[in-house]
């Protein structure tokens, strides 16, 4: 009897110990309010919060107001790299932003020029006093045996995407981008403006988006444009020249050696092959116009002996036929000239009116505009 009781007692003791250990383990897993090391009990989903994340593109302090040779394309050795895929960025000398941006595209007959070549109206004094940031870009050029279409257009769109993707760091307002340019740069201004009205998945836009150039999830759209002495429809160049018998034009268009022929990679009046024919068709900004095309002002001289003024006029008329009074034709007496210093009020008044309302948020709160 004693042996039986002893065994039974040991069994009770063992069970008691097991229960005690289990209870201690359970207690150690319970949430203890007020401590920072709670790991046991899950809080209700409604009380969970996202982990704190460092903001992307954290603004620099102090502000870097002058950046030179900023690479907007791939690094050397990467697919799509070209040495000319760089830009300069200049911010106003006072304030913290975010500022609206003008991206300037230089001229040079598609085969020359530099980001240092900026129209006088967009001088440091004028952009600074009017509260605009100015970016000036280089892009791929045409040369003997090397076309630049669509590559140069792809570069211009990639530069816009880079600037918008880094809007926080650069202290730019991503919802207030404008493009401007003269001569060949006026053409790029016109086609960038036209492409800005297309939907994200439009095949015509995707033709000009090179994924190797990066930031393809960021918009290449601008909200306003200002061109000087632009081209629009290459096929009408000769027709427009003949419409101005008093002007002695310096270049016969359509040949392989003409600036436009080098740009497209061959003679185009008529096109020498199907590849040139397709590039010619796709090069025309008028092809892409619709009700969403942003406002543009187009300046042209009446006696321009390189590019007939009708090249700007037909684009303005085509835009206004869709949406009246959206485009402005700014005619001046004179030749092949860009935006003069005396025209700063004209071009900035237009841009100010065309741009959407500026953001009232801080630089840190500015959101990238994504297509």
Protein backbone atom coordinates (compact mmCIF):
# COMPACT_ATOMS: atom_id res chain seq x y z
CA UNK A 1 0.00 0.00 0.00
CA UNK A 2 2.82 2.37 0.87
CA UNK A 3 4.58 1.58 -2.45
CA UNK A 4 1.35 2.28 -4.37
CA UNK A 5 0.84 5.66 -2.67
CA UNK A 6 4.44 6.64 -3.26
CA UNK A 7 4.24 5.97 -6.99
CA UNK A 8 0.93 7.81 -7.25
CA UNK A 9 2.39 10.76 -5.36
CA UNK A 10 5.35 10.96 -7.70
CA UNK A 11 2.97 11.02 -10.67
CA UNK A 12 1.04 13.93 -9.12
CA UNK A 13 4.28 15.80 -8.48
CA UNK A 14 5.43 15.29 -12.06
CA UNK A 15 2.13 16.55 -13.48
CA UNK A 16 2.22 19.58 -11.14
CA UNK A 17 5.71 20.46 -12.26
CA UNK A 18 4.72 20.14 -15.92
CA UNK A 19 1.75 22.42 -15.39
CA UNK A 20 3.93 24.97 -13.59
CA UNK A 21 6.55 25.01 -16.36
CA UNK A 22 3.89 25.37 -19.02
CA UNK A 23 2.32 28.28 -17.15
CA UNK A 24 5.70 30.02 -16.81
CA UNK A 25 6.37 29.66 -20.52
CA UNK A 26 2.94 31.04 -21.37
CA UNK A 27 3.44 33.98 -19.01
CA UNK A 28 6.79 34.79 -20.57
CA UNK A 29 5.15 35.01 -24.01
CA UNK A 30 2.39 37.37 -22.91
CA UNK A 31 2.54 41.01 -23.99
CA UNK A 32 3.70 43.31 -21.23
CA UNK A 33 2.29 46.77 -21.91
CA UNK A 34 4.79 49.58 -21.57
CA UNK A 35 7.89 47.64 -22.64
CA UNK A 36 9.76 47.93 -25.94
CA UNK A 37 10.53 44.22 -26.35
CA UNK A 38 7.04 42.73 -26.71
CA UNK A 39 7.05 39.81 -29.12
CA UNK A 40 4.26 37.51 -28.09
CA UNK A 41 0.70 38.73 -28.59
CA UNK A 42 -0.22 40.16 -32.03
CA UNK A 43 -1.95 43.53 -32.03
CA UNK A 44 -5.17 43.94 -34.03
CA UNK A 45 -4.56 44.75 -37.72
CA UNK A 46 -6.20 48.13 -37.25
CA UNK A 47 -3.42 49.10 -34.82
CA UNK A 48 -0.49 48.04 -37.01
CA UNK A 49 1.64 50.76 -38.65
CA UNK A 50 4.05 50.69 -41.58
CA UNK A 51 7.71 50.73 -40.54
CA UNK A 52 9.40 54.10 -40.77
CA UNK A 53 11.22 54.55 -44.10
CA UNK A 54 13.92 57.03 -45.01
CA UNK A 55 12.55 59.48 -47.61
CA UNK A 56 13.78 58.89 -51.16
CA UNK A 57 15.98 61.52 -52.77
CA UNK A 58 16.57 63.33 -49.50
CA UNK A 59 17.23 67.02 -50.24
CA UNK A 60 20.80 68.16 -49.75
CA UNK A 61 21.68 70.75 -47.11
CA UNK A 62 22.85 73.33 -47.98
CA UNK A 63 21.08 73.59 -51.32
CA UNK A 64 23.23 72.83 -54.35
CA UNK A 65 22.10 75.63 -56.66
CA UNK A 66 24.46 74.95 -59.56
CA UNK A 67 25.06 71.44 -60.88
CA UNK A 68 27.20 70.80 -63.94
CA UNK A 69 27.40 67.73 -66.17
CA UNK A 70 24.72 65.81 -64.31
CA UNK A 71 24.35 62.42 -66.02
CA UNK A 72 20.73 61.75 -66.95
CA UNK A 73 21.51 58.58 -68.90
CA UNK A 74 23.24 55.29 -68.08
CA UNK A 75 26.72 55.14 -66.63
CA UNK A 76 29.67 54.53 -68.92
CA UNK A 77 29.82 50.91 -70.01
CA UNK A 78 26.07 50.38 -69.57
CA UNK A 79 23.61 49.81 -72.47
CA UNK A 80 22.37 53.07 -73.92
CA UNK A 81 25.31 55.15 -72.67
CA UNK A 82 26.42 58.20 -74.61
CA UNK A 83 28.87 60.85 -73.51
CA UNK A 84 26.42 63.66 -74.36
CA UNK A 85 23.69 62.48 -72.00
CA UNK A 86 24.42 65.22 -69.45
CA UNK A 87 22.73 68.40 -68.27
CA UNK A 88 23.39 71.50 -66.21
CA UNK A 89 20.90 72.59 -63.56
CA UNK A 90 20.66 76.07 -62.08
CA UNK A 91 18.31 76.99 -59.22
CA UNK A 92 17.22 80.47 -58.10
CA UNK A 93 19.73 82.12 -55.77
CA UNK A 94 17.22 82.52 -52.93
CA UNK A 95 14.45 80.41 -51.45
CA UNK A 96 14.18 76.69 -50.83
CA UNK A 97 11.80 75.58 -53.59
CA UNK A 98 10.23 73.55 -54.95
CA UNK A 99 10.61 75.60 -58.15
CA UNK A 100 9.01 75.23 -61.56
CA UNK A 101 11.48 74.08 -64.21
CA UNK A 102 12.35 75.12 -67.75
CA UNK A 103 14.35 72.49 -69.62
CA UNK A 104 16.19 74.17 -72.49
CA UNK A 105 17.24 72.29 -75.66
CA UNK A 106 19.95 73.93 -77.79
CA UNK A 107 19.98 74.31 -81.56
CA UNK A 108 22.70 73.50 -84.07
CA UNK A 109 21.15 71.91 -87.18
CA UNK A 110 20.90 68.54 -85.37
CA UNK A 111 24.68 68.12 -85.67
CA UNK A 112 26.28 70.78 -83.44
CA UNK A 113 25.69 72.92 -80.37
CA UNK A 114 26.02 72.63 -76.62
CA UNK A 115 24.04 72.97 -73.41
CA UNK A 116 25.96 76.22 -72.92
CA UNK A 117 23.97 77.74 -75.80
CA UNK A 118 20.89 79.19 -74.09
CA UNK A 119 18.63 81.96 -75.43
CA UNK A 120 19.11 85.32 -73.73
CA UNK A 121 15.53 85.37 -72.44
CA UNK A 122 16.44 82.41 -70.20
CA UNK A 123 19.55 84.00 -68.75
CA UNK A 124 20.42 83.53 -65.09
CA UNK A 125 19.07 87.01 -64.33
CA UNK A 126 15.69 86.32 -65.91
CA UNK A 127 15.09 82.81 -64.54
CA UNK A 128 16.38 83.84 -61.12
CA UNK A 129 14.14 86.91 -60.82
CA UNK A 130 11.10 84.94 -61.99
CA UNK A 131 11.57 81.99 -59.67
CA UNK A 132 12.34 79.29 -62.25
CA UNK A 133 14.95 76.57 -62.24
CA UNK A 134 16.71 76.06 -65.57
CA UNK A 135 18.12 72.81 -66.91
CA UNK A 136 20.06 72.81 -70.16
CA UNK A 137 20.77 69.50 -71.85
CA UNK A 138 23.12 67.91 -74.35
CA UNK A 139 21.76 65.15 -76.56
CA UNK A 140 22.98 62.80 -79.27
CA UNK A 141 23.87 64.56 -82.53
CA UNK A 142 23.74 63.50 -86.16
CA UNK A 143 26.93 63.22 -88.18
CA UNK A 144 28.01 61.74 -91.50
CA UNK A 145 26.68 58.20 -91.42
CA UNK A 146 25.14 58.52 -87.95
CA UNK A 147 21.46 59.47 -87.64
CA UNK A 148 20.04 61.02 -84.47
CA UNK A 149 16.35 60.15 -84.80
CA UNK A 150 14.74 58.89 -82.66
CA UNK A 151 17.79 58.85 -80.34
CA UNK A 152 17.91 62.59 -79.67
CA UNK A 153 14.17 62.66 -78.86
CA UNK A 154 14.68 59.69 -76.54
CA UNK A 155 17.44 61.65 -74.81
CA UNK A 156 15.22 64.69 -74.29
CA UNK A 157 12.46 62.57 -72.74
CA UNK A 158 14.99 60.73 -70.56
CA UNK A 159 16.33 64.06 -69.26
CA UNK A 160 12.80 65.10 -68.26
CA UNK A 161 12.25 61.77 -66.49
CA UNK A 162 15.56 62.09 -64.64
CA UNK A 163 14.74 65.59 -63.44
CA UNK A 164 11.28 64.54 -62.30
CA UNK A 165 12.51 61.34 -60.63
CA UNK A 166 14.97 63.44 -58.62
CA UNK A 167 12.62 66.35 -57.97
CA UNK A 168 13.05 66.11 -54.19
CA UNK A 169 16.83 66.18 -54.37
CA UNK A 170 16.85 68.95 -56.97
CA UNK A 171 14.03 70.88 -55.24
CA UNK A 172 11.83 71.03 -58.33
CA UNK A 173 8.06 71.07 -58.61
CA UNK A 174 7.41 67.91 -60.65
CA UNK A 175 3.98 69.16 -61.73
CA UNK A 176 5.34 72.35 -63.32
CA UNK A 177 7.80 71.41 -66.06
CA UNK A 178 8.23 73.39 -69.28
CA UNK A 179 10.45 72.79 -72.30
CA UNK A 180 12.02 75.47 -74.49
CA UNK A 181 14.42 75.57 -77.42
CA UNK A 182 15.65 77.28 -80.57
CA UNK A 183 16.00 75.99 -84.14
CA UNK A 184 16.71 72.24 -83.89
CA UNK A 185 15.96 72.71 -80.21
CA UNK A 186 12.70 74.34 -81.26
CA UNK A 187 11.85 71.16 -83.14
CA UNK A 188 12.58 69.04 -80.06
CA UNK A 189 10.44 71.43 -78.03
CA UNK A 190 7.58 70.94 -80.47
CA UNK A 191 7.73 67.14 -80.52
CA UNK A 192 8.15 66.86 -76.73
CA UNK A 193 5.13 69.12 -76.35
CA UNK A 194 3.11 66.98 -78.76
CA UNK A 195 4.13 63.69 -77.13
CA UNK A 196 3.11 65.11 -73.74
CA UNK A 197 -0.53 64.79 -74.70
CA UNK A 198 -0.39 61.03 -75.32
CA UNK A 199 -1.56 58.29 -72.94
CA UNK A 200 1.04 56.23 -71.07
CA UNK A 201 0.54 53.13 -73.18
CA UNK A 202 0.19 54.84 -76.54
CA UNK A 203 2.46 53.03 -79.05
CA UNK A 204 3.52 56.39 -80.49
CA UNK A 205 4.88 57.44 -77.11
CA UNK A 206 6.45 54.06 -76.36
CA UNK A 207 8.41 54.33 -79.63
CA UNK A 208 10.38 57.16 -78.01
CA UNK A 209 10.91 55.52 -74.60
CA UNK A 210 14.22 53.67 -74.45
CA UNK A 211 14.20 51.47 -71.30
CA UNK A 212 18.00 51.58 -71.19
CA UNK A 213 17.81 55.28 -70.36
CA UNK A 214 16.04 54.66 -67.05
CA UNK A 215 13.15 56.02 -64.95
CA UNK A 216 10.58 54.54 -67.32
CA UNK A 217 7.90 54.59 -64.60
CA UNK A 218 8.22 58.39 -64.35
CA UNK A 219 6.44 60.85 -66.62
CA UNK A 220 8.21 62.55 -69.51
CA UNK A 221 5.30 64.98 -69.84
CA UNK A 222 5.70 68.76 -69.76
CA UNK A 223 2.99 71.26 -68.86
CA UNK A 224 4.02 74.08 -71.22
CA UNK A 225 6.43 74.80 -74.07
CA UNK A 226 8.15 77.74 -75.80
CA UNK A 227 9.92 77.28 -79.12
CA UNK A 228 11.77 79.66 -81.43
CA UNK A 229 12.40 79.09 -85.17
CA UNK A 230 11.12 75.53 -84.97
CA UNK A 231 10.52 72.84 -87.57
CA UNK A 232 7.40 70.74 -87.55
CA UNK A 233 6.65 68.99 -90.86
CA UNK A 234 9.84 68.12 -92.79
CA UNK A 235 7.85 67.11 -95.87
CA UNK A 236 6.56 70.68 -96.28
CA UNK A 237 9.91 72.45 -96.01
CA UNK A 238 10.34 73.00 -99.74
CA UNK A 239 6.70 74.00 -100.18
CA UNK A 240 7.08 76.58 -97.43
CA UNK A 241 10.28 77.92 -98.92
CA UNK A 242 8.56 78.49 -102.25
CA UNK A 243 5.77 80.36 -100.46
CA UNK A 244 8.32 83.03 -99.47
CA UNK A 245 9.89 84.12 -102.80
CA UNK A 246 11.58 87.14 -101.28
CA UNK A 247 13.75 85.01 -98.96
CA UNK A 248 17.02 83.47 -100.16
CA UNK A 249 17.11 80.12 -98.35
CA UNK A 250 20.54 78.76 -97.51
CA UNK A 251 19.70 75.04 -97.56
CA UNK A 252 17.82 72.87 -100.03
CA UNK A 253 15.81 70.45 -97.89
CA UNK A 254 15.31 66.74 -98.42
CA UNK A 255 18.80 65.68 -99.47
CA UNK A 256 20.86 63.18 -97.49
CA UNK A 257 23.37 65.93 -96.65
CA UNK A 258 20.79 68.44 -95.41
CA UNK A 259 20.49 68.83 -91.63
CA UNK A 260 17.13 67.04 -91.63
CA UNK A 261 18.45 64.32 -93.95
CA UNK A 262 21.40 63.63 -91.63
CA UNK A 263 19.02 63.64 -88.67
CA UNK A 264 16.75 61.03 -90.28
CA UNK A 265 19.58 59.02 -91.79
CA UNK A 266 18.90 59.59 -95.48
CA UNK A 267 17.25 61.64 -98.18
CA UNK A 268 13.55 62.11 -97.54
CA UNK A 269 12.06 63.99 -100.51
CA UNK A 270 11.21 61.30 -101.46
CA UNK A 271 12.46 58.85 -98.81
CA UNK A 272 15.26 56.60 -100.04
CA UNK A 273 14.04 53.49 -98.17
CA UNK A 274 11.33 52.24 -95.85
CA UNK A 275 13.37 52.94 -92.69
CA UNK A 276 13.77 56.61 -93.63
CA UNK A 277 10.08 56.75 -94.60
CA UNK A 278 9.04 55.50 -91.17
CA UNK A 279 11.34 57.95 -89.39
CA UNK A 280 9.98 60.78 -91.52
CA UNK A 281 6.41 59.92 -90.56
CA UNK A 282 7.25 59.56 -86.88
CA UNK A 283 9.28 62.79 -86.82
CA UNK A 284 6.23 64.98 -87.43
CA UNK A 285 4.91 66.58 -84.20
CA UNK A 286 1.55 67.20 -85.86
CA UNK A 287 0.97 63.44 -85.93
CA UNK A 288 0.66 63.37 -82.12
CA UNK A 289 -1.54 66.39 -81.40
CA UNK A 290 -4.77 65.94 -79.47
CA UNK A 291 -6.93 67.73 -76.89
CA UNK A 292 -4.37 66.97 -74.15
CA UNK A 293 -1.45 68.66 -75.91
CA UNK A 294 -0.08 71.27 -73.47
CA UNK A 295 0.00 74.99 -74.31
CA UNK A 296 2.87 76.23 -76.50
CA UNK A 297 4.11 79.60 -77.72
CA UNK A 298 6.03 79.49 -81.02
CA UNK A 299 8.20 82.41 -82.12
CA UNK A 300 9.35 82.80 -85.73
CA UNK A 301 10.97 85.53 -87.81
CA UNK A 302 9.26 86.64 -91.02
CA UNK A 303 12.50 86.52 -93.02
CA UNK A 304 14.08 83.43 -91.47
CA UNK A 305 16.33 82.14 -94.30
CA UNK A 306 16.90 78.69 -92.73
CA UNK A 307 13.46 77.60 -91.61
CA UNK A 308 10.28 79.12 -93.09
CA UNK A 309 7.91 80.66 -90.52
CA UNK A 310 5.10 78.45 -91.83
CA UNK A 311 6.79 75.56 -90.00
CA UNK A 312 5.72 77.11 -86.68
CA UNK A 313 2.46 78.50 -87.99
CA UNK A 314 1.02 75.15 -89.11
CA UNK A 315 1.56 73.60 -85.67
CA UNK A 316 -0.05 76.53 -83.87
CA UNK A 317 -3.03 76.37 -86.24
CA UNK A 318 -3.35 72.58 -85.83
CA UNK A 319 -3.39 72.82 -82.02
CA UNK A 320 -5.92 75.65 -82.03
CA UNK A 321 -8.15 73.73 -84.43
CA UNK A 322 -8.48 71.12 -81.68
CA UNK A 323 -8.54 73.45 -78.68
CA UNK A 324 -8.99 77.14 -79.54
CA UNK A 325 -6.46 79.62 -78.11
CA UNK A 326 -4.21 76.97 -76.58
CA UNK A 327 -1.23 77.80 -78.83
CA UNK A 328 0.23 81.24 -79.55
CA UNK A 329 2.09 82.30 -82.71
CA UNK A 330 4.62 85.02 -81.85
CA UNK A 331 5.70 86.61 -85.12
CA UNK A 332 8.68 88.96 -85.23
CA UNK A 333 10.35 90.90 -88.01
CA UNK A 334 13.73 89.36 -88.63
CA UNK A 335 15.60 86.20 -89.45
CA UNK A 336 16.65 83.01 -87.69
CA UNK A 337 16.71 84.10 -84.05
CA UNK A 338 15.89 82.69 -80.63
CA UNK A 339 14.19 84.23 -77.61
CA UNK A 340 15.83 87.63 -77.08
CA UNK A 341 16.40 89.24 -73.69
CA UNK A 342 13.77 91.87 -74.56
CA UNK A 343 11.21 89.09 -75.00
CA UNK A 344 11.62 87.66 -71.50
CA UNK A 345 8.35 89.19 -70.32
CA UNK A 346 6.50 87.74 -73.31
CA UNK A 347 7.72 84.18 -72.84
CA UNK A 348 7.54 84.13 -69.03
CA UNK A 349 4.08 85.66 -68.96
CA UNK A 350 2.96 82.87 -71.26
CA UNK A 351 4.63 80.16 -69.16
CA UNK A 352 3.21 81.56 -65.93
CA UNK A 353 -0.31 81.53 -67.37
CA UNK A 354 0.09 78.08 -68.97
CA UNK A 355 1.54 76.32 -65.94
CA UNK A 356 -0.80 74.71 -63.39
CA UNK A 357 -0.98 76.04 -59.86
CA UNK A 358 2.26 75.66 -57.92
CA UNK A 359 2.54 73.26 -55.03
CA UNK A 360 2.17 74.67 -51.53
CA UNK A 361 3.83 71.68 -49.89
CA UNK A 362 7.40 71.56 -48.66
CA UNK A 363 10.15 70.00 -50.72
CA UNK A 364 9.96 66.83 -48.62
CA UNK A 365 6.24 66.47 -49.30
CA UNK A 366 6.46 66.99 -53.05
CA UNK A 367 5.34 63.85 -54.87
CA UNK A 368 6.73 62.67 -58.17
CA UNK A 369 4.25 62.81 -60.99
CA UNK A 370 4.10 59.28 -62.37
CA UNK A 371 2.30 58.25 -65.50
